Structures are given as structure tokens and as C-alpha cells.
Amino acid sequence: MWMKRIFPHVIGIELDPQTRCIHYRSRLDIISIKMKCCGLYYACKDCHAALADHPAQVWPCSEWAQKNVLCGACGAELTTQEYLDSDNQCSACNAAFNPGCHNHYHFYFEAK
């Protein structure tokens, strides 16, 4: 029996069904991050800056075991550590993630 997966709510500007936003729209831009500051999923840091009423905070290394990265292809929630160790691929559905996102990790995750 096939069951439809319920995605957590994602906030962003001009979102498509896989959580791509106006800022990042390539085929591989399918992750959203639960922001540490507010506990809400945003499509990207730029959407958070435009829509939230507060500055973003980074996830400390001590909290990398929490599920806070969402795969827009299947709706799986990954821990920060799972995402960082994923080799740019969802562990649940094997969808490819944008390898260029590593350039933005410092906006979301504390450096080790």
C-alpha cells in the first residue's frame, strides 16, 4: 500500500513542490533547513532573512544529532550529522543534493 508522506511546513519565497525557492532553483536545490533561532524550516538563509523578524542562528555541534534538514524530494528529515555525511545524497530516497551548498554551511552550522 502506497502512503503519501506529509512534509513539514517550509517557509520561503516562490516555493516549488520540492522546496526550491526564488534564490536557489537548480535541480539539486532540494533541501530546507530548520533554523536554530525559530525551529521553523526555511528554504534558504535568504528566505529567512527576508521573511523572519529576527537574525538567524547556527546549529551548535552539540545539537547535530537533531533532525533539522529536510529532503524536498521525499520529505525525510535528516540530522545535521547525517546531512553533512551524506555525500550530497538523501539517505532515504537517494535524491542528489547540491554539492555547492557546502559553501553555505557556516550560515547554518557551527564550524568544528
C-alpha atoms as a PDB file:
ATOM      1  CA  MET A   1       0.000   0.000   0.000  1.00  0.00           C
ATOM      2  CA  TRP A   2       1.408   3.392  -1.020  1.00  0.00           C
ATOM      3  CA  MET A   3       1.215   6.143   1.577  1.00  0.00           C
ATOM      4  CA  LYS A   4       1.728   9.816   0.851  1.00  0.00           C
ATOM      5  CA  ARG A   5       4.388  11.372   3.052  1.00  0.00           C
ATOM      6  CA  ILE A   6       3.360  14.516   4.903  1.00  0.00           C
ATOM      7  CA  PHE A   7       6.056  17.190   4.587  1.00  0.00           C
ATOM      8  CA  PRO A   8       6.754  19.571   7.443  1.00  0.00           C
ATOM      9  CA  HIS A   9       5.792  23.158   6.603  1.00  0.00           C
ATOM     10  CA  VAL A  10       8.575  25.030   4.769  1.00  0.00           C
ATOM     11  CA  ILE A  11       8.715  28.823   4.601  1.00  0.00           C
ATOM     12  CA  GLY A  12      10.176  30.544   1.573  1.00  0.00           C
ATOM     13  CA  ILE A  13       9.595  32.809  -1.388  1.00  0.00           C
ATOM     14  CA  GLU A  14       8.056  31.245  -4.507  1.00  0.00           C
ATOM     15  CA  LEU A  15       8.486  27.649  -3.305  1.00  0.00           C
ATOM     16  CA  ASP A  16       8.019  24.748  -5.683  1.00  0.00           C
ATOM     17  CA  PRO A  17       6.828  21.282  -4.554  1.00  0.00           C
ATOM     18  CA  GLN A  18      10.412  20.195  -3.726  1.00  0.00           C
ATOM     19  CA  THR A  19      11.101  23.317  -1.594  1.00  0.00           C
ATOM     20  CA  ARG A  20      13.199  25.209  -4.146  1.00  0.00           C
ATOM     21  CA  CYS A  21      12.834  28.964  -3.697  1.00  0.00           C
ATOM     22  CA  ILE A  22      13.405  32.113  -5.701  1.00  0.00           C
ATOM     23  CA  HIS A  23      17.048  32.211  -4.539  1.00  0.00           C
ATOM     24  CA  TYR A  24      18.091  28.606  -5.307  1.00  0.00           C
ATOM     25  CA  ARG A  25      16.289  26.849  -8.148  1.00  0.00           C
ATOM     26  CA  SER A  26      18.631  24.259  -9.657  1.00  0.00           C
ATOM     27  CA  ARG A  27      17.514  20.641  -9.970  1.00  0.00           C
ATOM     28  CA  LEU A  28      19.701  19.844  -6.938  1.00  0.00           C
ATOM     29  CA  ASP A  29      18.452  22.611  -4.608  1.00  0.00           C
ATOM     30  CA  ILE A  30      16.007  20.431  -2.697  1.00  0.00           C
ATOM     31  CA  ILE A  31      16.926  20.755   0.963  1.00  0.00           C
ATOM     32  CA  SER A  32      15.441  23.039   3.570  1.00  0.00           C
ATOM     33  CA  ILE A  33      16.886  23.717   6.999  1.00  0.00           C
ATOM     34  CA  LYS A  34      15.089  24.058  10.295  1.00  0.00           C
ATOM     35  CA  MET A  35      16.538  27.282  11.613  1.00  0.00           C
ATOM     36  CA  LYS A  36      18.039  27.093  15.096  1.00  0.00           C
ATOM     37  CA  CYS A  37      16.641  30.501  16.072  1.00  0.00           C
ATOM     38  CA  CYS A  38      12.974  29.731  15.489  1.00  0.00           C
ATOM     39  CA  GLY A  39      12.644  25.986  14.903  1.00  0.00           C
ATOM     40  CA  LEU A  40      10.965  26.516  11.522  1.00  0.00           C
ATOM     41  CA  TYR A  41      12.009  25.094   8.174  1.00  0.00           C
ATOM     42  CA  TYR A  42      13.128  27.701   5.653  1.00  0.00           C
ATOM     43  CA  ALA A  43      14.056  27.051   2.037  1.00  0.00           C
ATOM     44  CA  CYS A  44      17.274  29.032   2.491  1.00  0.00           C
ATOM     45  CA  LYS A  45      19.073  31.661   4.546  1.00  0.00           C
ATOM     46  CA  ASP A  46      17.932  34.400   2.166  1.00  0.00           C
ATOM     47  CA  CYS A  47      14.275  33.457   2.602  1.00  0.00           C
ATOM     48  CA  HIS A  48      14.807  33.560   6.384  1.00  0.00           C
ATOM     49  CA  ALA A  49      16.437  36.998   6.124  1.00  0.00           C
ATOM     50  CA  ALA A  50      13.532  38.301   4.030  1.00  0.00           C
ATOM     51  CA  LEU A  51      10.658  36.756   5.985  1.00  0.00           C
ATOM     52  CA  ALA A  52      11.706  36.321   9.624  1.00  0.00           C
ATOM     53  CA  ASP A  53      11.682  39.118  12.178  1.00  0.00           C
ATOM     54  CA  HIS A  54      14.955  38.055  13.788  1.00  0.00           C
ATOM     55  CA  PRO A  55      18.540  37.148  12.842  1.00  0.00           C
ATOM     56  CA  ALA A  56      19.475  33.562  12.049  1.00  0.00           C
ATOM     57  CA  GLN A  57      21.448  31.423  14.488  1.00  0.00           C
ATOM     58  CA  VAL A  58      23.670  28.448  13.678  1.00  0.00           C
ATOM     59  CA  TRP A  59      23.213  24.920  14.996  1.00  0.00           C
ATOM     60  CA  PRO A  60      25.971  24.173  17.538  1.00  0.00           C
ATOM     61  CA  CYS A  61      27.931  20.947  17.064  1.00  0.00           C
ATOM     62  CA  SER A  62      26.430  19.666  20.319  1.00  0.00           C
ATOM     63  CA  GLU A  63      22.980  19.610  18.621  1.00  0.00           C
ATOM     64  CA  TRP A  64      23.923  17.988  15.316  1.00  0.00           C
ATOM     65  CA  ALA A  65      22.047  14.804  16.299  1.00  0.00           C
ATOM     66  CA  GLN A  66      18.706  16.629  15.938  1.00  0.00           C
ATOM     67  CA  LYS A  67      16.664  16.277  12.760  1.00  0.00           C
ATOM     68  CA  ASN A  68      16.778  19.666  11.108  1.00  0.00           C
ATOM     69  CA  VAL A  69      17.455  19.118   7.396  1.00  0.00           C
ATOM     70  CA  LEU A  70      14.546  18.261   5.101  1.00  0.00           C
ATOM     71  CA  CYS A  71      14.830  16.474   1.764  1.00  0.00           C
ATOM     72  CA  GLY A  72      12.429  18.194  -0.612  1.00  0.00           C
ATOM     73  CA  ALA A  73      12.234  15.114  -2.824  1.00  0.00           C
ATOM     74  CA  CYS A  74      10.860  12.647  -0.280  1.00  0.00           C
ATOM     75  CA  GLY A  75      10.235  14.612   2.930  1.00  0.00           C
ATOM     76  CA  ALA A  76      12.791  12.715   5.001  1.00  0.00           C
ATOM     77  CA  GLU A  77      14.192  14.643   7.922  1.00  0.00           C
ATOM     78  CA  LEU A  78      17.921  14.178   8.454  1.00  0.00           C
ATOM     79  CA  THR A  79      20.094  15.125  11.373  1.00  0.00           C
ATOM     80  CA  THR A  80      22.771  17.703  10.690  1.00  0.00           C
ATOM     81  CA  GLN A  81      25.392  14.979  11.012  1.00  0.00           C
ATOM     82  CA  GLU A  82      23.556  12.689   8.567  1.00  0.00           C
ATOM     83  CA  TYR A  83      23.301  15.560   6.098  1.00  0.00           C
ATOM     84  CA  LEU A  84      26.957  16.541   6.429  1.00  0.00           C
ATOM     85  CA  ASP A  85      27.978  12.879   5.996  1.00  0.00           C
ATOM     86  CA  SER A  86      25.533  12.254   3.122  1.00  0.00           C
ATOM     87  CA  ASP A  87      27.909  12.722   0.189  1.00  0.00           C
ATOM     88  CA  ASN A  88      25.262  15.088  -1.245  1.00  0.00           C
ATOM     89  CA  GLN A  89      22.568  12.445  -1.445  1.00  0.00           C
ATOM     90  CA  CYS A  90      19.448  11.710   0.600  1.00  0.00           C
ATOM     91  CA  SER A  91      19.869   8.565   2.669  1.00  0.00           C
ATOM     92  CA  ALA A  92      16.133   7.830   2.380  1.00  0.00           C
ATOM     93  CA  CYS A  93      15.457   8.271  -1.365  1.00  0.00           C
ATOM     94  CA  ASN A  94      18.921   8.759  -2.922  1.00  0.00           C
ATOM     95  CA  ALA A  95      17.953  12.138  -4.425  1.00  0.00           C
ATOM     96  CA  ALA A  96      21.001  14.252  -5.205  1.00  0.00           C
ATOM     97  CA  PHE A  97      21.686  17.404  -3.176  1.00  0.00           C
ATOM     98  CA  ASN A  98      23.593  20.428  -4.438  1.00  0.00           C
ATOM     99  CA  PRO A  99      27.301  19.931  -3.582  1.00  0.00           C
ATOM    100  CA  GLY A 100      27.729  23.721  -3.705  1.00  0.00           C
ATOM    101  CA  CYS A 101      25.695  24.017  -0.506  1.00  0.00           C
ATOM    102  CA  HIS A 102      28.878  23.300   1.450  1.00  0.00           C
ATOM    103  CA  ASN A 103      29.824  26.918   0.721  1.00  0.00           C
ATOM    104  CA  HIS A 104      26.902  27.986   2.920  1.00  0.00           C
ATOM    105  CA  TYR A 105      27.280  25.586   5.859  1.00  0.00           C
ATOM    106  CA  HIS A 106      28.669  28.382   8.050  1.00  0.00           C
ATOM    107  CA  PHE A 107      25.306  30.175   7.822  1.00  0.00           C
ATOM    108  CA  TYR A 108      23.539  27.176   9.364  1.00  0.00           C
ATOM    109  CA  PHE A 109      26.038  25.013  11.247  1.00  0.00           C
ATOM    110  CA  GLU A 110      28.794  25.801  13.729  1.00  0.00           C
ATOM    111  CA  ALA A 111      32.280  25.028  12.386  1.00  0.00           C
ATOM    112  CA  LYS A 112      34.034  22.125  14.057  1.00  0.00           C
END
